[in-house]
N, C-alpha and C. Protein backbone atom coordinates (compact mmCIF):
# COMPACT_ATOMS: atom_id res chain seq x y z
N MET A 1 114.01 96.19 94.43
CA MET A 1 112.40 96.01 94.89
C MET A 1 111.52 96.26 93.67
N LYS A 2 112.03 97.23 92.83
CA LYS A 2 111.57 97.45 91.65
C LYS A 2 111.46 96.36 90.56
N SER A 3 112.50 95.33 90.53
CA SER A 3 112.35 94.82 89.66
C SER A 3 111.65 93.56 90.37
N GLY A 4 111.16 93.25 91.52
CA GLY A 4 110.73 91.99 91.57
C GLY A 4 108.85 92.74 91.51
N ASN A 5 108.73 93.77 91.22
CA ASN A 5 107.51 94.34 91.11
C ASN A 5 107.16 94.22 90.15
N LEU A 6 108.09 94.53 88.98
CA LEU A 6 107.99 94.33 87.60
C LEU A 6 107.50 92.93 86.98
N LEU A 7 108.44 92.18 87.90
CA LEU A 7 107.91 90.53 87.56
C LEU A 7 106.80 89.94 88.09
N ILE A 8 106.24 90.31 89.34
CA ILE A 8 104.82 90.15 89.52
C ILE A 8 103.82 90.68 88.16
N CYS A 9 104.06 92.22 88.05
CA CYS A 9 103.28 92.28 87.36
C CYS A 9 103.69 91.63 86.20
N LEU A 10 104.23 91.62 85.51
CA LEU A 10 104.67 90.49 83.88
C LEU A 10 104.00 89.42 84.47
N MET A 11 103.67 88.69 85.00
CA MET A 11 103.82 87.32 86.02
C MET A 11 101.96 87.09 85.46
N SER A 12 101.51 88.37 86.11
CA SER A 12 99.81 88.60 86.14
C SER A 12 99.11 88.34 85.32
N GLY A 13 100.42 89.53 84.31
CA GLY A 13 99.38 89.90 82.55
C GLY A 13 99.12 88.55 81.88
N LEU A 14 100.68 87.78 81.95
CA LEU A 14 100.48 86.38 81.25
C LEU A 14 100.21 85.54 82.04
N ILE A 15 99.49 85.23 83.20
CA ILE A 15 98.16 84.70 83.39
C ILE A 15 96.90 85.22 83.04
N LEU A 16 96.19 86.37 83.23
CA LEU A 16 95.81 87.03 83.19
C LEU A 16 95.43 86.92 81.32
N SER A 17 96.06 86.85 80.07
CA SER A 17 96.40 86.95 79.21
C SER A 17 95.63 85.32 78.47
N GLY A 18 96.13 84.49 79.47
CA GLY A 18 95.37 83.35 79.00
C GLY A 18 94.08 83.02 79.36
N CYS A 19 93.46 83.75 80.32
CA CYS A 19 91.84 83.77 80.40
C CYS A 19 91.06 84.53 79.45
N THR A 20 91.00 83.96 78.18
CA THR A 20 90.55 85.22 77.18
C THR A 20 89.15 84.52 76.72
N PRO A 21 88.22 84.97 76.61
CA PRO A 21 87.08 84.73 76.60
C PRO A 21 86.40 84.07 74.77
N ARG A 22 86.20 83.01 75.33
CA ARG A 22 85.72 82.22 73.57
C ARG A 22 84.18 82.41 73.53
N ILE A 23 84.06 82.64 71.96
CA ILE A 23 83.22 83.34 71.47
C ILE A 23 82.28 82.12 70.36
N GLU A 24 81.50 81.41 70.24
CA GLU A 24 81.16 80.64 69.29
C GLU A 24 79.73 80.74 68.90
N VAL A 25 79.86 80.87 67.48
CA VAL A 25 78.31 81.18 66.79
C VAL A 25 78.28 79.96 66.09
N ALA A 26 77.17 79.06 66.49
CA ALA A 26 76.39 77.93 65.52
C ALA A 26 75.04 78.02 65.79
N ALA A 27 74.66 77.45 64.63
CA ALA A 27 73.43 76.95 64.26
C ALA A 27 72.87 76.09 65.71
N PRO A 28 71.64 76.03 65.46
CA PRO A 28 70.93 75.33 66.69
C PRO A 28 70.73 73.84 65.79
N LYS A 29 70.74 72.87 66.83
CA LYS A 29 70.77 71.48 66.46
C LYS A 29 68.98 70.86 65.78
N GLU A 30 67.94 71.61 66.77
CA GLU A 30 67.02 71.40 66.42
C GLU A 30 66.18 73.08 65.51
N PRO A 31 65.32 72.39 64.61
CA PRO A 31 64.91 73.79 63.71
C PRO A 31 63.91 74.67 65.20
N ILE A 32 63.93 75.93 64.35
CA ILE A 32 62.74 76.53 65.03
C ILE A 32 61.58 76.27 64.62
N THR A 33 60.91 76.48 65.33
CA THR A 33 59.34 75.88 65.00
C THR A 33 58.68 77.18 65.60
N ILE A 34 57.73 77.92 64.81
CA ILE A 34 56.72 79.17 65.06
C ILE A 34 55.26 78.67 65.39
N ASN A 35 54.88 78.57 66.36
CA ASN A 35 53.22 78.13 66.70
C ASN A 35 52.59 79.44 66.46
N MET A 36 51.65 79.55 65.22
CA MET A 36 50.90 80.54 65.11
C MET A 36 49.27 80.28 65.24
N ASN A 37 48.83 80.85 66.19
CA ASN A 37 47.30 80.11 66.40
C ASN A 37 46.59 81.67 66.48
N VAL A 38 46.23 81.67 65.31
CA VAL A 38 45.55 83.48 64.89
C VAL A 38 44.23 83.68 64.45
N LYS A 39 43.34 84.13 64.52
CA LYS A 39 41.69 84.27 64.40
C LYS A 39 41.93 85.54 63.72
N ILE A 40 41.77 85.87 62.33
CA ILE A 40 41.36 87.65 62.03
C ILE A 40 40.18 87.52 61.72
N ASP A 41 39.30 88.48 61.90
CA ASP A 41 37.57 88.78 61.76
C ASP A 41 37.72 90.41 61.33
N HIS A 42 37.36 90.57 60.12
CA HIS A 42 37.14 91.90 59.31
C HIS A 42 35.64 92.17 59.52
N GLN A 43 35.18 93.47 59.64
CA GLN A 43 34.11 94.31 59.21
C GLN A 43 34.16 95.53 58.69
N ILE A 44 33.42 95.52 57.73
CA ILE A 44 34.08 97.10 57.08
C ILE A 44 32.67 97.69 57.10
N THR A 45 32.28 98.64 57.58
CA THR A 45 31.25 99.39 57.23
C THR A 45 31.48 100.71 56.35
N VAL A 46 30.22 100.93 55.59
CA VAL A 46 30.35 102.24 54.76
C VAL A 46 29.09 103.09 55.22
N LYS A 47 29.57 104.18 55.38
CA LYS A 47 28.07 105.11 55.81
C LYS A 47 28.50 106.18 54.91
N ALA A 48 27.10 106.42 54.40
CA ALA A 48 27.12 107.50 53.71
C ALA A 48 26.02 108.72 53.99
N ASP A 49 25.87 109.65 53.18
CA ASP A 49 25.04 110.75 53.34
C ASP A 49 23.64 110.27 52.57
N LYS A 50 22.39 110.99 52.80
CA LYS A 50 21.11 110.71 52.02
C LYS A 50 21.38 111.26 51.11
N ASP A 51 21.91 112.05 50.62
CA ASP A 51 22.08 112.61 48.93
C ASP A 51 22.81 111.24 48.20
N ILE A 52 23.58 111.08 48.78
CA ILE A 52 24.34 109.71 47.99
C ILE A 52 23.40 109.04 47.68
N ASN A 53 22.84 108.33 48.80
CA ASN A 53 22.12 107.48 48.65
C ASN A 53 21.12 107.74 47.97
N THR A 54 20.26 108.34 47.90
CA THR A 54 18.81 108.81 46.38
C THR A 54 20.17 108.87 45.30
N LEU A 55 21.34 109.58 45.23
CA LEU A 55 21.81 109.49 43.88
C LEU A 55 22.32 107.68 43.54
N LEU A 56 22.07 107.16 44.35
CA LEU A 56 22.60 105.51 43.99
C LEU A 56 21.38 104.70 43.56
N LYS A 57 20.01 105.19 44.44
CA LYS A 57 18.70 104.75 43.87
C LYS A 57 18.31 105.46 42.69
N LYS A 58 18.37 106.19 42.38
CA LYS A 58 18.15 107.02 41.13
C LYS A 58 18.15 106.17 40.20
N PRO A 59 16.81 105.51 39.06
CA PRO A 59 17.58 105.22 38.18
C PRO A 59 18.32 105.76 37.02
N GLN A 60 18.91 105.59 36.08
CA GLN A 60 19.97 106.15 35.12
C GLN A 60 19.23 105.84 33.69
């Protein structure tokens, strides 16, 4: 009876080893396109103290 179980285990091992997954890495056939519709707005605000404003307005 033990030799029958061993035979079944070996046969199932052989059957399952034939089902190994295949992994393939390939480049795509079409080129990759990236569509970037971006609008960038900049606003820079500079705040200064009254003392600095008077120094900047004073003639040298």
